[in-house]
Amino acid sequence: MADLEIKDIITLFIGIISIVIPSYIFFVTSPNEIKTPAIIVFIGIVIFIMIAIPIFYIYKRWVILNKIVKDNNKELKELREDLKNQEASFQIEKRLSIMENIMHLIIKNKKSQIKIDPRIIFWILLLLLLLLFLKTAGFFG
């Protein structure tokens, strides 16, 4: 439940005073002295309060809910960005794992005559680093 702001308290206070003072005057004054325009104005005050207070309440709820929706949208955008970054991290880890396996096979099978030119490994690593740079620079979604 939302806390009452000073404006809400003042609105309720003025509304209560607008009902209490005329009601007190009606009880203190004899019925013969009460004029018809005074009764019409009092009824107008009551109707105005009965219409205005719910409208103020609905407006305040709308403002609060609108703020909540904006905050949730902002949080969703942040979560989407985090998810994209996490997916990129998983792809990088997968590529690094493949490279580790290849390097392990190269080192393990060095005696078994796997002849890979070191320049090819350099090219692969350099291309992977270039792709990583382009991805972090935003060229790949």
C-alpha atoms as a PDB file:
ATOM      1  CA  MET A   1       0.000   0.000   0.000  1.00  0.00           C
ATOM      2  CA  ALA A   2       1.340   3.416  -0.906  1.00  0.00           C
ATOM      3  CA  ASP A   3       2.285   5.872   1.811  1.00  0.00           C
ATOM      4  CA  LEU A   4       0.262   9.042   2.113  1.00  0.00           C
ATOM      5  CA  GLU A   5       2.066  12.101   0.840  1.00  0.00           C
ATOM      6  CA  ILE A   6       1.577  15.545   2.323  1.00  0.00           C
ATOM      7  CA  LYS A   7      -0.629  16.490  -0.643  1.00  0.00           C
ATOM      8  CA  ASP A   8      -2.883  13.501   0.051  1.00  0.00           C
ATOM      9  CA  ILE A   9      -3.177  14.448   3.727  1.00  0.00           C
ATOM     10  CA  ILE A  10      -4.012  18.064   2.860  1.00  0.00           C
ATOM     11  CA  THR A  11      -6.625  16.905   0.311  1.00  0.00           C
ATOM     12  CA  LEU A  12      -8.311  14.643   2.872  1.00  0.00           C
ATOM     13  CA  PHE A  13      -8.125  17.329   5.562  1.00  0.00           C
ATOM     14  CA  ILE A  14      -9.749  19.976   3.351  1.00  0.00           C
ATOM     15  CA  GLY A  15     -12.397  17.465   2.257  1.00  0.00           C
ATOM     16  CA  ILE A  16     -13.257  16.558   5.844  1.00  0.00           C
ATOM     17  CA  ILE A  17     -13.345  20.232   6.903  1.00  0.00           C
ATOM     18  CA  SER A  18     -15.599  21.006   3.909  1.00  0.00           C
ATOM     19  CA  ILE A  19     -18.088  18.423   5.164  1.00  0.00           C
ATOM     20  CA  VAL A  20     -17.761  18.959   8.938  1.00  0.00           C
ATOM     21  CA  ILE A  21     -18.169  22.761   9.040  1.00  0.00           C
ATOM     22  CA  PRO A  22     -21.410  22.917   6.989  1.00  0.00           C
ATOM     23  CA  SER A  23     -22.764  19.873   8.855  1.00  0.00           C
ATOM     24  CA  TYR A  24     -22.066  21.559  12.201  1.00  0.00           C
ATOM     25  CA  ILE A  25     -23.725  24.759  10.978  1.00  0.00           C
ATOM     26  CA  PHE A  26     -26.792  22.749   9.860  1.00  0.00           C
ATOM     27  CA  PHE A  27     -27.052  21.116  13.296  1.00  0.00           C
ATOM     28  CA  VAL A  28     -26.591  24.365  15.226  1.00  0.00           C
ATOM     29  CA  THR A  29     -28.863  26.516  13.074  1.00  0.00           C
ATOM     30  CA  SER A  30     -32.579  26.071  13.130  1.00  0.00           C
ATOM     31  CA  PRO A  31     -34.114  24.618   9.962  1.00  0.00           C
ATOM     32  CA  ASN A  32     -36.006  27.864   9.262  1.00  0.00           C
ATOM     33  CA  GLU A  33     -32.759  29.847   9.006  1.00  0.00           C
ATOM     34  CA  ILE A  34     -31.084  27.478   6.516  1.00  0.00           C
ATOM     35  CA  LYS A  35     -31.465  28.852   3.027  1.00  0.00           C
ATOM     36  CA  THR A  36     -31.922  26.711  -0.068  1.00  0.00           C
ATOM     37  CA  PRO A  37     -28.713  27.972  -1.761  1.00  0.00           C
ATOM     38  CA  ALA A  38     -26.724  26.825   1.293  1.00  0.00           C
ATOM     39  CA  ILE A  39     -28.199  23.330   0.991  1.00  0.00           C
ATOM     40  CA  ILE A  40     -27.445  23.268  -2.754  1.00  0.00           C
ATOM     41  CA  VAL A  41     -23.843  24.360  -2.133  1.00  0.00           C
ATOM     42  CA  PHE A  42     -23.451  21.700   0.581  1.00  0.00           C
ATOM     43  CA  ILE A  43     -24.813  19.015  -1.757  1.00  0.00           C
ATOM     44  CA  GLY A  44     -22.408  20.344  -4.416  1.00  0.00           C
ATOM     45  CA  ILE A  45     -19.500  19.996  -1.975  1.00  0.00           C
ATOM     46  CA  VAL A  46     -20.478  16.417  -1.132  1.00  0.00           C
ATOM     47  CA  ILE A  47     -20.888  15.453  -4.800  1.00  0.00           C
ATOM     48  CA  PHE A  48     -17.613  17.156  -5.717  1.00  0.00           C
ATOM     49  CA  ILE A  49     -15.775  15.291  -2.953  1.00  0.00           C
ATOM     50  CA  MET A  50     -17.412  11.988  -3.901  1.00  0.00           C
ATOM     51  CA  ILE A  51     -16.241  12.449  -7.500  1.00  0.00           C
ATOM     52  CA  ALA A  52     -12.837  14.096  -6.931  1.00  0.00           C
ATOM     53  CA  ILE A  53     -11.386  11.805  -4.215  1.00  0.00           C
ATOM     54  CA  PRO A  54     -11.763   8.590  -6.284  1.00  0.00           C
ATOM     55  CA  ILE A  55     -10.327  10.383  -9.325  1.00  0.00           C
ATOM     56  CA  PHE A  56      -7.321  11.521  -7.274  1.00  0.00           C
ATOM     57  CA  TYR A  57      -6.884   7.982  -5.945  1.00  0.00           C
ATOM     58  CA  ILE A  58      -7.063   6.460  -9.429  1.00  0.00           C
ATOM     59  CA  TYR A  59      -4.628   9.065 -10.768  1.00  0.00           C
ATOM     60  CA  LYS A  60      -2.155   8.390  -7.954  1.00  0.00           C
ATOM     61  CA  ARG A  61      -2.370   4.624  -8.540  1.00  0.00           C
ATOM     62  CA  TRP A  62      -1.863   5.207 -12.263  1.00  0.00           C
ATOM     63  CA  VAL A  63       1.275   7.282 -11.593  1.00  0.00           C
ATOM     64  CA  ILE A  64       2.660   4.603  -9.258  1.00  0.00           C
ATOM     65  CA  LEU A  65       1.888   1.776 -11.676  1.00  0.00           C
ATOM     66  CA  ASN A  66       3.337   3.767 -14.575  1.00  0.00           C
ATOM     67  CA  LYS A  67       6.569   4.225 -12.595  1.00  0.00           C
ATOM     68  CA  ILE A  68       6.661   0.505 -11.803  1.00  0.00           C
ATOM     69  CA  VAL A  69       6.195  -0.345 -15.491  1.00  0.00           C
ATOM     70  CA  LYS A  70       9.009   2.031 -16.505  1.00  0.00           C
ATOM     71  CA  ASP A  71      11.309   0.542 -13.858  1.00  0.00           C
ATOM     72  CA  ASN A  72      10.449  -2.978 -15.024  1.00  0.00           C
ATOM     73  CA  ASN A  73      11.124  -2.035 -18.660  1.00  0.00           C
ATOM     74  CA  LYS A  74      14.506  -0.628 -17.676  1.00  0.00           C
ATOM     75  CA  GLU A  75      15.318  -3.783 -15.719  1.00  0.00           C
ATOM     76  CA  LEU A  76      14.241  -5.953 -18.676  1.00  0.00           C
ATOM     77  CA  LYS A  77      16.573  -4.039 -21.001  1.00  0.00           C
ATOM     78  CA  GLU A  78      19.443  -4.550 -18.556  1.00  0.00           C
ATOM     79  CA  LEU A  79      18.648  -8.255 -18.291  1.00  0.00           C
ATOM     80  CA  ARG A  80      18.590  -8.574 -22.091  1.00  0.00           C
ATOM     81  CA  GLU A  81      22.010  -6.924 -22.309  1.00  0.00           C
ATOM     82  CA  ASP A  82      23.354  -9.209 -19.582  1.00  0.00           C
ATOM     83  CA  LEU A  83      21.934 -12.223 -21.413  1.00  0.00           C
ATOM     84  CA  LYS A  84      23.608 -11.137 -24.669  1.00  0.00           C
ATOM     85  CA  ASN A  85      26.900 -10.704 -22.828  1.00  0.00           C
ATOM     86  CA  GLN A  86      26.517 -14.095 -21.174  1.00  0.00           C
ATOM     87  CA  GLU A  87      25.774 -15.767 -24.521  1.00  0.00           C
ATOM     88  CA  ALA A  88      28.882 -14.130 -25.991  1.00  0.00           C
ATOM     89  CA  SER A  89      30.902 -15.396 -23.029  1.00  0.00           C
ATOM     90  CA  PHE A  90      29.608 -18.932 -23.588  1.00  0.00           C
ATOM     91  CA  GLN A  91      30.573 -18.761 -27.255  1.00  0.00           C
ATOM     92  CA  ILE A  92      34.047 -17.498 -26.367  1.00  0.00           C
ATOM     93  CA  GLU A  93      34.463 -20.249 -23.767  1.00  0.00           C
ATOM     94  CA  LYS A  94      33.378 -22.820 -26.334  1.00  0.00           C
ATOM     95  CA  ARG A  95      35.892 -21.516 -28.863  1.00  0.00           C
ATOM     96  CA  LEU A  96      38.639 -21.458 -26.244  1.00  0.00           C
ATOM     97  CA  SER A  97      37.789 -25.020 -25.262  1.00  0.00           C
ATOM     98  CA  ILE A  98      38.099 -26.092 -28.898  1.00  0.00           C
ATOM     99  CA  MET A  99      41.432 -24.277 -29.168  1.00  0.00           C
ATOM    100  CA  GLU A 100      42.661 -25.939 -25.960  1.00  0.00           C
ATOM    101  CA  ASN A 101      41.700 -29.344 -27.321  1.00  0.00           C
ATOM    102  CA  ILE A 102      43.501 -28.639 -30.592  1.00  0.00           C
ATOM    103  CA  MET A 103      46.580 -27.397 -28.739  1.00  0.00           C
ATOM    104  CA  HIS A 104      46.461 -30.447 -26.468  1.00  0.00           C
ATOM    105  CA  LEU A 105      46.242 -32.740 -29.503  1.00  0.00           C
ATOM    106  CA  ILE A 106      49.138 -30.912 -31.144  1.00  0.00           C
ATOM    107  CA  ILE A 107      51.311 -31.243 -28.072  1.00  0.00           C
ATOM    108  CA  LYS A 108      50.224 -34.835 -27.410  1.00  0.00           C
ATOM    109  CA  ASN A 109      50.622 -35.974 -30.990  1.00  0.00           C
ATOM    110  CA  LYS A 110      53.796 -34.075 -31.728  1.00  0.00           C
ATOM    111  CA  LYS A 111      55.668 -37.347 -31.878  1.00  0.00           C
ATOM    112  CA  SER A 112      53.051 -38.866 -34.146  1.00  0.00           C
ATOM    113  CA  GLN A 113      54.071 -36.641 -37.026  1.00  0.00           C
ATOM    114  CA  ILE A 114      51.226 -34.120 -37.064  1.00  0.00           C
ATOM    115  CA  LYS A 115      52.920 -31.391 -38.968  1.00  0.00           C
ATOM    116  CA  ILE A 116      51.064 -28.118 -38.445  1.00  0.00           C
ATOM    117  CA  ASP A 117      52.870 -25.012 -39.389  1.00  0.00           C
ATOM    118  CA  PRO A 118      53.037 -22.646 -36.370  1.00  0.00           C
ATOM    119  CA  ARG A 119      51.984 -19.809 -38.660  1.00  0.00           C
ATOM    120  CA  ILE A 120      48.599 -21.527 -39.176  1.00  0.00           C
ATOM    121  CA  ILE A 121      48.026 -21.565 -35.415  1.00  0.00           C
ATOM    122  CA  PHE A 122      49.085 -17.921 -35.317  1.00  0.00           C
ATOM    123  CA  TRP A 123      46.611 -17.135 -38.095  1.00  0.00           C
ATOM    124  CA  ILE A 124      43.786 -18.978 -36.312  1.00  0.00           C
ATOM    125  CA  LEU A 125      44.499 -17.212 -33.002  1.00  0.00           C
ATOM    126  CA  LEU A 126      44.784 -13.856 -34.726  1.00  0.00           C
ATOM    127  CA  LEU A 127      41.480 -14.399 -36.589  1.00  0.00           C
ATOM    128  CA  LEU A 128      39.770 -15.459 -33.353  1.00  0.00           C
ATOM    129  CA  LEU A 129      41.062 -12.341 -31.612  1.00  0.00           C
ATOM    130  CA  LEU A 130      39.887 -10.215 -34.550  1.00  0.00           C
ATOM    131  CA  LEU A 131      36.424 -11.821 -34.376  1.00  0.00           C
ATOM    132  CA  LEU A 132      36.374 -11.261 -30.618  1.00  0.00           C
ATOM    133  CA  PHE A 133      37.274  -7.595 -31.174  1.00  0.00           C
ATOM    134  CA  LEU A 134      34.572  -7.155 -33.811  1.00  0.00           C
ATOM    135  CA  LYS A 135      31.998  -8.824 -31.552  1.00  0.00           C
ATOM    136  CA  THR A 136      32.850  -6.614 -28.573  1.00  0.00           C
ATOM    137  CA  ALA A 137      32.829  -3.547 -30.827  1.00  0.00           C
ATOM    138  CA  GLY A 138      29.230  -4.397 -31.752  1.00  0.00           C
ATOM    139  CA  PHE A 139      29.617  -5.514 -35.366  1.00  0.00           C
ATOM    140  CA  PHE A 140      28.064  -8.948 -34.655  1.00  0.00           C
ATOM    141  CA  GLY A 141      24.647  -8.844 -32.893  1.00  0.00           C
END
